Amino acid sequence: MRWQDIKDEVVAKLGGNSALGDERPFIYIDSQQQLLHWIDIEEEHNRSYPVSTAECGIGNRLDSLMTPFGIHRIRQKVGGGQPWGMVFEAREPTGRIVDDLDNRERDEITSRILWLDGLEDGINLNGVYDTCARYIYIHGTSDEKRIGKAVSGGCIRMKNDDVIELFDEVMVNDLVLIA
């Protein structure tokens, strides 16, 4: 399947109304392969990054510790201008820079945050399935050694260099498809 076909399918599911229109790239997260693809429809600047989705698998229920599936958008970008490795708590910089990239004890949020918002009512929007209310992010981590394995508590973890690069390319409202 071509990337344009995937985007067309997403737009059709949204009633023909994409979040930003056809000219914007979108993010496709493949939970089976543990990869995030940043897709430029023109296929000139596509990028793929290893990620870590939830250890508990894919699912949308509140308190499930699963990575939500379906169509999302980037609700908010947090951390622009912060130093590499800045640790965030409640989306606020703590002033502490991560010094251990093999930290399996804590699911620290580092460098940048892309807060996701579900777009499919009853699937990942509203009620006990609301991605935004679950505080699901694409974010950097202090557990870089396990990127590529499903080990997160629900968010999509990335290496710090990768999340900073992605952060600089995406915009609020860009589409994110998680499968």
C-alpha atoms as a PDB file:
ATOM      1  CA  MET A   1       0.000   0.000   0.000  1.00  0.00           C
ATOM      2  CA  ARG A   2       1.277   3.460  -0.867  1.00  0.00           C
ATOM      3  CA  TRP A   3       1.518   6.237   1.749  1.00  0.00           C
ATOM      4  CA  GLN A   4      -0.986   8.316  -0.245  1.00  0.00           C
ATOM      5  CA  ASP A   5      -3.473   5.431  -0.016  1.00  0.00           C
ATOM      6  CA  ILE A   6      -3.076   5.353   3.766  1.00  0.00           C
ATOM      7  CA  LYS A   7      -3.629   9.106   3.990  1.00  0.00           C
ATOM      8  CA  ASP A   8      -6.679   8.895   1.703  1.00  0.00           C
ATOM      9  CA  GLU A   9      -8.108   6.183   3.956  1.00  0.00           C
ATOM     10  CA  VAL A  10      -7.551   8.359   7.033  1.00  0.00           C
ATOM     11  CA  VAL A  11      -9.152  11.402   5.400  1.00  0.00           C
ATOM     12  CA  ALA A  12     -12.137   9.285   4.298  1.00  0.00           C
ATOM     13  CA  LYS A  13     -12.583   8.050   7.890  1.00  0.00           C
ATOM     14  CA  LEU A  14     -12.648  11.657   9.039  1.00  0.00           C
ATOM     15  CA  GLY A  15     -15.506  12.424   6.653  1.00  0.00           C
ATOM     16  CA  GLY A  16     -13.243  13.877   3.983  1.00  0.00           C
ATOM     17  CA  ASN A  17     -11.973  16.573   6.340  1.00  0.00           C
ATOM     18  CA  SER A  18      -8.314  16.113   7.257  1.00  0.00           C
ATOM     19  CA  ALA A  19      -6.899  18.096  10.153  1.00  0.00           C
ATOM     20  CA  LEU A  20      -4.640  20.269   8.001  1.00  0.00           C
ATOM     21  CA  GLY A  21      -5.271  19.398   4.391  1.00  0.00           C
ATOM     22  CA  ASP A  22      -3.462  17.237   1.938  1.00  0.00           C
ATOM     23  CA  GLU A  23      -0.252  19.220   1.708  1.00  0.00           C
ATOM     24  CA  ARG A  24       0.964  18.374   5.260  1.00  0.00           C
ATOM     25  CA  PRO A  25       3.037  15.299   6.034  1.00  0.00           C
ATOM     26  CA  PHE A  26       1.651  12.882   8.602  1.00  0.00           C
ATOM     27  CA  ILE A  27       2.948  10.372  11.148  1.00  0.00           C
ATOM     28  CA  TYR A  28       2.278   6.645  10.879  1.00  0.00           C
ATOM     29  CA  ILE A  29       3.211   4.539  13.895  1.00  0.00           C
ATOM     30  CA  ASP A  30       3.592   0.828  13.187  1.00  0.00           C
ATOM     31  CA  SER A  31       3.333  -0.854  16.594  1.00  0.00           C
ATOM     32  CA  GLN A  32       4.168  -4.290  15.156  1.00  0.00           C
ATOM     33  CA  GLN A  33       7.490  -3.085  13.746  1.00  0.00           C
ATOM     34  CA  GLN A  34       8.080  -0.505  16.523  1.00  0.00           C
ATOM     35  CA  LEU A  35       8.648   2.209  13.924  1.00  0.00           C
ATOM     36  CA  LEU A  36       7.404   5.759  13.495  1.00  0.00           C
ATOM     37  CA  HIS A  37       7.250   6.944   9.887  1.00  0.00           C
ATOM     38  CA  TRP A  38       7.108  10.666   9.107  1.00  0.00           C
ATOM     39  CA  ILE A  39       5.469  10.653   5.696  1.00  0.00           C
ATOM     40  CA  ASP A  40       5.804  13.350   3.088  1.00  0.00           C
ATOM     41  CA  ILE A  41       3.170  12.439   0.478  1.00  0.00           C
ATOM     42  CA  GLU A  42       5.551  13.541  -2.267  1.00  0.00           C
ATOM     43  CA  GLU A  43       7.890  10.865  -0.831  1.00  0.00           C
ATOM     44  CA  GLU A  44      10.871  13.179  -1.061  1.00  0.00           C
ATOM     45  CA  HIS A  45      11.716  13.511   2.619  1.00  0.00           C
ATOM     46  CA  ASN A  46      10.233  10.462   4.363  1.00  0.00           C
ATOM     47  CA  ARG A  47      11.921   9.393   7.577  1.00  0.00           C
ATOM     48  CA  SER A  48      11.572   6.389   9.858  1.00  0.00           C
ATOM     49  CA  TYR A  49      12.546   6.180  13.507  1.00  0.00           C
ATOM     50  CA  PRO A  50      12.616   3.269  15.959  1.00  0.00           C
ATOM     51  CA  VAL A  51      10.153   3.720  18.831  1.00  0.00           C
ATOM     52  CA  SER A  52       8.789   1.904  21.848  1.00  0.00           C
ATOM     53  CA  THR A  53       5.052   1.506  22.273  1.00  0.00           C
ATOM     54  CA  ALA A  54       3.290  -0.023  25.289  1.00  0.00           C
ATOM     55  CA  GLU A  55       4.423  -3.209  26.936  1.00  0.00           C
ATOM     56  CA  CYS A  56       0.717  -4.047  27.483  1.00  0.00           C
ATOM     57  CA  GLY A  57      -0.027  -3.747  23.746  1.00  0.00           C
ATOM     58  CA  ILE A  58      -2.452  -1.621  21.779  1.00  0.00           C
ATOM     59  CA  GLY A  59      -5.751  -0.443  23.243  1.00  0.00           C
ATOM     60  CA  ASN A  60      -7.682   2.700  24.005  1.00  0.00           C
ATOM     61  CA  ARG A  61      -9.221   2.180  27.437  1.00  0.00           C
ATOM     62  CA  LEU A  62      -8.372   4.587  30.274  1.00  0.00           C
ATOM     63  CA  ASP A  63      -5.834   3.160  32.781  1.00  0.00           C
ATOM     64  CA  SER A  64      -4.984   0.262  30.429  1.00  0.00           C
ATOM     65  CA  LEU A  65      -1.295   1.236  30.059  1.00  0.00           C
ATOM     66  CA  MET A  66      -1.748   0.492  26.350  1.00  0.00           C
ATOM     67  CA  THR A  67      -0.831   2.616  23.339  1.00  0.00           C
ATOM     68  CA  PRO A  68      -4.041   3.928  21.732  1.00  0.00           C
ATOM     69  CA  PHE A  69      -4.807   3.027  18.136  1.00  0.00           C
ATOM     70  CA  GLY A  70      -6.569   5.002  15.452  1.00  0.00           C
ATOM     71  CA  ILE A  71      -6.426   8.506  14.062  1.00  0.00           C
ATOM     72  CA  HIS A  72      -4.996  11.286  16.210  1.00  0.00           C
ATOM     73  CA  ARG A  73      -3.640  14.780  15.802  1.00  0.00           C
ATOM     74  CA  ILE A  74      -0.819  16.601  17.526  1.00  0.00           C
ATOM     75  CA  ARG A  75      -2.627  18.678  20.139  1.00  0.00           C
ATOM     76  CA  GLN A  76       0.368  20.478  21.596  1.00  0.00           C
ATOM     77  CA  LYS A  77       4.138  20.685  21.182  1.00  0.00           C
ATOM     78  CA  VAL A  78       6.062  21.055  24.434  1.00  0.00           C
ATOM     79  CA  GLY A  79       9.748  21.664  25.039  1.00  0.00           C
ATOM     80  CA  GLY A  80      10.891  23.743  22.095  1.00  0.00           C
ATOM     81  CA  GLY A  81      14.113  25.518  23.031  1.00  0.00           C
ATOM     82  CA  GLN A  82      14.807  23.263  26.014  1.00  0.00           C
ATOM     83  CA  PRO A  83      18.200  21.534  26.156  1.00  0.00           C
ATOM     84  CA  TRP A  84      18.706  17.960  24.979  1.00  0.00           C
ATOM     85  CA  GLY A  85      17.721  15.542  27.738  1.00  0.00           C
ATOM     86  CA  MET A  86      15.601  17.971  29.795  1.00  0.00           C
ATOM     87  CA  VAL A  87      13.310  15.959  32.080  1.00  0.00           C
ATOM     88  CA  PHE A  88       9.639  16.995  32.088  1.00  0.00           C
ATOM     89  CA  GLU A  89       6.998  16.403  34.731  1.00  0.00           C
ATOM     90  CA  ALA A  90       3.374  17.381  33.974  1.00  0.00           C
ATOM     91  CA  ARG A  91       4.707  18.900  30.721  1.00  0.00           C
ATOM     92  CA  GLU A  92       6.920  21.333  32.645  1.00  0.00           C
ATOM     93  CA  PRO A  93      10.742  21.310  32.514  1.00  0.00           C
ATOM     94  CA  THR A  94      12.224  20.219  35.844  1.00  0.00           C
ATOM     95  CA  GLY A  95      15.627  21.818  35.309  1.00  0.00           C
ATOM     96  CA  ARG A  96      17.228  18.363  35.474  1.00  0.00           C
ATOM     97  CA  ILE A  97      19.037  16.937  32.446  1.00  0.00           C
ATOM     98  CA  VAL A  98      18.989  13.166  32.067  1.00  0.00           C
ATOM     99  CA  ASP A  99      22.383  11.585  32.673  1.00  0.00           C
ATOM    100  CA  ASP A 100      21.542   7.890  32.247  1.00  0.00           C
ATOM    101  CA  LEU A 101      20.148   6.608  28.936  1.00  0.00           C
ATOM    102  CA  ASP A 102      19.748   3.069  30.308  1.00  0.00           C
ATOM    103  CA  ASN A 103      17.219   4.049  32.988  1.00  0.00           C
ATOM    104  CA  ARG A 104      14.771   1.130  33.166  1.00  0.00           C
ATOM    105  CA  GLU A 105      13.448   2.137  36.574  1.00  0.00           C
ATOM    106  CA  ARG A 106      11.568   5.266  35.489  1.00  0.00           C
ATOM    107  CA  ASP A 107       9.602   6.195  32.418  1.00  0.00           C
ATOM    108  CA  GLU A 108      11.099   9.676  32.266  1.00  0.00           C
ATOM    109  CA  ILE A 109       9.823  12.095  29.649  1.00  0.00           C
ATOM    110  CA  THR A 110      12.750  13.936  28.106  1.00  0.00           C
ATOM    111  CA  SER A 111      13.730  16.514  25.456  1.00  0.00           C
ATOM    112  CA  ARG A 112      10.388  17.091  23.645  1.00  0.00           C
ATOM    113  CA  ILE A 113       6.704  16.175  23.935  1.00  0.00           C
ATOM    114  CA  LEU A 114       4.077  15.839  21.214  1.00  0.00           C
ATOM    115  CA  TRP A 115       0.753  15.533  23.089  1.00  0.00           C
ATOM    116  CA  LEU A 116      -1.800  13.532  21.112  1.00  0.00           C
ATOM    117  CA  ASP A 117      -5.541  14.047  20.790  1.00  0.00           C
ATOM    118  CA  GLY A 118      -7.848  11.334  19.409  1.00  0.00           C
ATOM    119  CA  LEU A 119     -10.119  12.188  16.491  1.00  0.00           C
ATOM    120  CA  GLU A 120     -12.481   9.185  16.484  1.00  0.00           C
ATOM    121  CA  ASP A 121     -15.426   9.528  18.869  1.00  0.00           C
ATOM    122  CA  GLY A 122     -15.902   6.400  20.982  1.00  0.00           C
ATOM    123  CA  ILE A 123     -12.576   4.966  19.824  1.00  0.00           C
ATOM    124  CA  ASN A 124      -9.940   7.433  21.069  1.00  0.00           C
ATOM    125  CA  LEU A 125     -12.026  10.540  21.772  1.00  0.00           C
ATOM    126  CA  ASN A 126     -14.353  11.125  24.756  1.00  0.00           C
ATOM    127  CA  GLY A 127     -15.282   8.925  27.677  1.00  0.00           C
ATOM    128  CA  VAL A 128     -13.014   6.123  28.889  1.00  0.00           C
ATOM    129  CA  TYR A 129     -11.189   6.034  25.529  1.00  0.00           C
ATOM    130  CA  ASP A 130      -9.931   9.620  25.346  1.00  0.00           C
ATOM    131  CA  THR A 131      -6.266   9.729  24.266  1.00  0.00           C
ATOM    132  CA  CYS A 132      -5.793  13.337  25.394  1.00  0.00           C
ATOM    133  CA  ALA A 133      -7.255  12.648  28.855  1.00  0.00           C
ATOM    134  CA  ARG A 134      -4.856   9.688  29.115  1.00  0.00           C
ATOM    135  CA  TYR A 135      -1.912  12.074  28.524  1.00  0.00           C
ATOM    136  CA  ILE A 136      -0.533  10.046  25.648  1.00  0.00           C
ATOM    137  CA  TYR A 137       2.577  11.589  24.132  1.00  0.00           C
ATOM    138  CA  ILE A 138       5.295  10.976  21.616  1.00  0.00           C
ATOM    139  CA  HIS A 139       8.335  11.865  23.721  1.00  0.00           C
ATOM    140  CA  GLY A 140      12.012  11.394  24.385  1.00  0.00           C
ATOM    141  CA  THR A 141      13.099   8.936  27.059  1.00  0.00           C
ATOM    142  CA  SER A 142      15.899   8.145  29.484  1.00  0.00           C
ATOM    143  CA  ASP A 143      15.422   4.473  28.509  1.00  0.00           C
ATOM    144  CA  GLU A 144      16.981   4.688  25.041  1.00  0.00           C
ATOM    145  CA  LYS A 145      18.610   1.247  25.252  1.00  0.00           C
ATOM    146  CA  ARG A 146      15.194  -0.433  24.897  1.00  0.00           C
ATOM    147  CA  ILE A 147      13.907   1.645  21.982  1.00  0.00           C
ATOM    148  CA  GLY A 148      12.599  -0.812  19.396  1.00  0.00           C
ATOM    149  CA  LYS A 149      10.875  -2.973  22.017  1.00  0.00           C
ATOM    150  CA  ALA A 150       7.339  -2.586  23.359  1.00  0.00           C
ATOM    151  CA  VAL A 151       8.170  -1.440  26.894  1.00  0.00           C
ATOM    152  CA  SER A 152       6.393   1.887  27.521  1.00  0.00           C
ATOM    153  CA  GLY A 153       3.489   2.623  29.843  1.00  0.00           C
ATOM    154  CA  GLY A 154       1.304   3.747  26.908  1.00  0.00           C
ATOM    155  CA  CYS A 155       3.183   6.602  25.259  1.00  0.00           C
ATOM    156  CA  ILE A 156       5.362   6.369  22.178  1.00  0.00           C
ATOM    157  CA  ARG A 157       8.973   6.724  23.258  1.00  0.00           C
ATOM    158  CA  MET A 158      11.741   7.931  20.961  1.00  0.00           C
ATOM    159  CA  LYS A 159      15.472   8.523  21.212  1.00  0.00           C
ATOM    160  CA  ASN A 160      16.166  12.110  22.242  1.00  0.00           C
ATOM    161  CA  ASP A 161      17.947  13.078  19.013  1.00  0.00           C
ATOM    162  CA  ASP A 162      15.080  11.611  16.984  1.00  0.00           C
ATOM    163  CA  VAL A 163      12.253  13.294  18.898  1.00  0.00           C
ATOM    164  CA  ILE A 164      13.987  16.671  18.631  1.00  0.00           C
ATOM    165  CA  GLU A 165      14.364  16.207  14.859  1.00  0.00           C
ATOM    166  CA  LEU A 166      10.701  15.172  14.505  1.00  0.00           C
ATOM    167  CA  PHE A 167       9.520  17.989  16.791  1.00  0.00           C
ATOM    168  CA  ASP A 168      11.155  20.542  14.515  1.00  0.00           C
ATOM    169  CA  GLU A 169       9.355  19.123  11.433  1.00  0.00           C
ATOM    170  CA  VAL A 170       5.785  18.645  12.688  1.00  0.00           C
ATOM    171  CA  MET A 171       3.045  21.158  13.418  1.00  0.00           C
ATOM    172  CA  VAL A 172       0.127  21.262  15.822  1.00  0.00           C
ATOM    173  CA  ASN A 173      -2.841  19.500  14.155  1.00  0.00           C
ATOM    174  CA  ASP A 174      -0.679  17.213  11.983  1.00  0.00           C
ATOM    175  CA  LEU A 175      -2.288  13.785  11.704  1.00  0.00           C
ATOM    176  CA  VAL A 176      -0.936  10.745  13.554  1.00  0.00           C
ATOM    177  CA  LEU A 177      -2.147   7.252  12.662  1.00  0.00           C
ATOM    178  CA  ILE A 178      -1.334   4.518  15.193  1.00  0.00           C
ATOM    179  CA  ALA A 179      -1.799   0.935  14.038  1.00  0.00           C
END
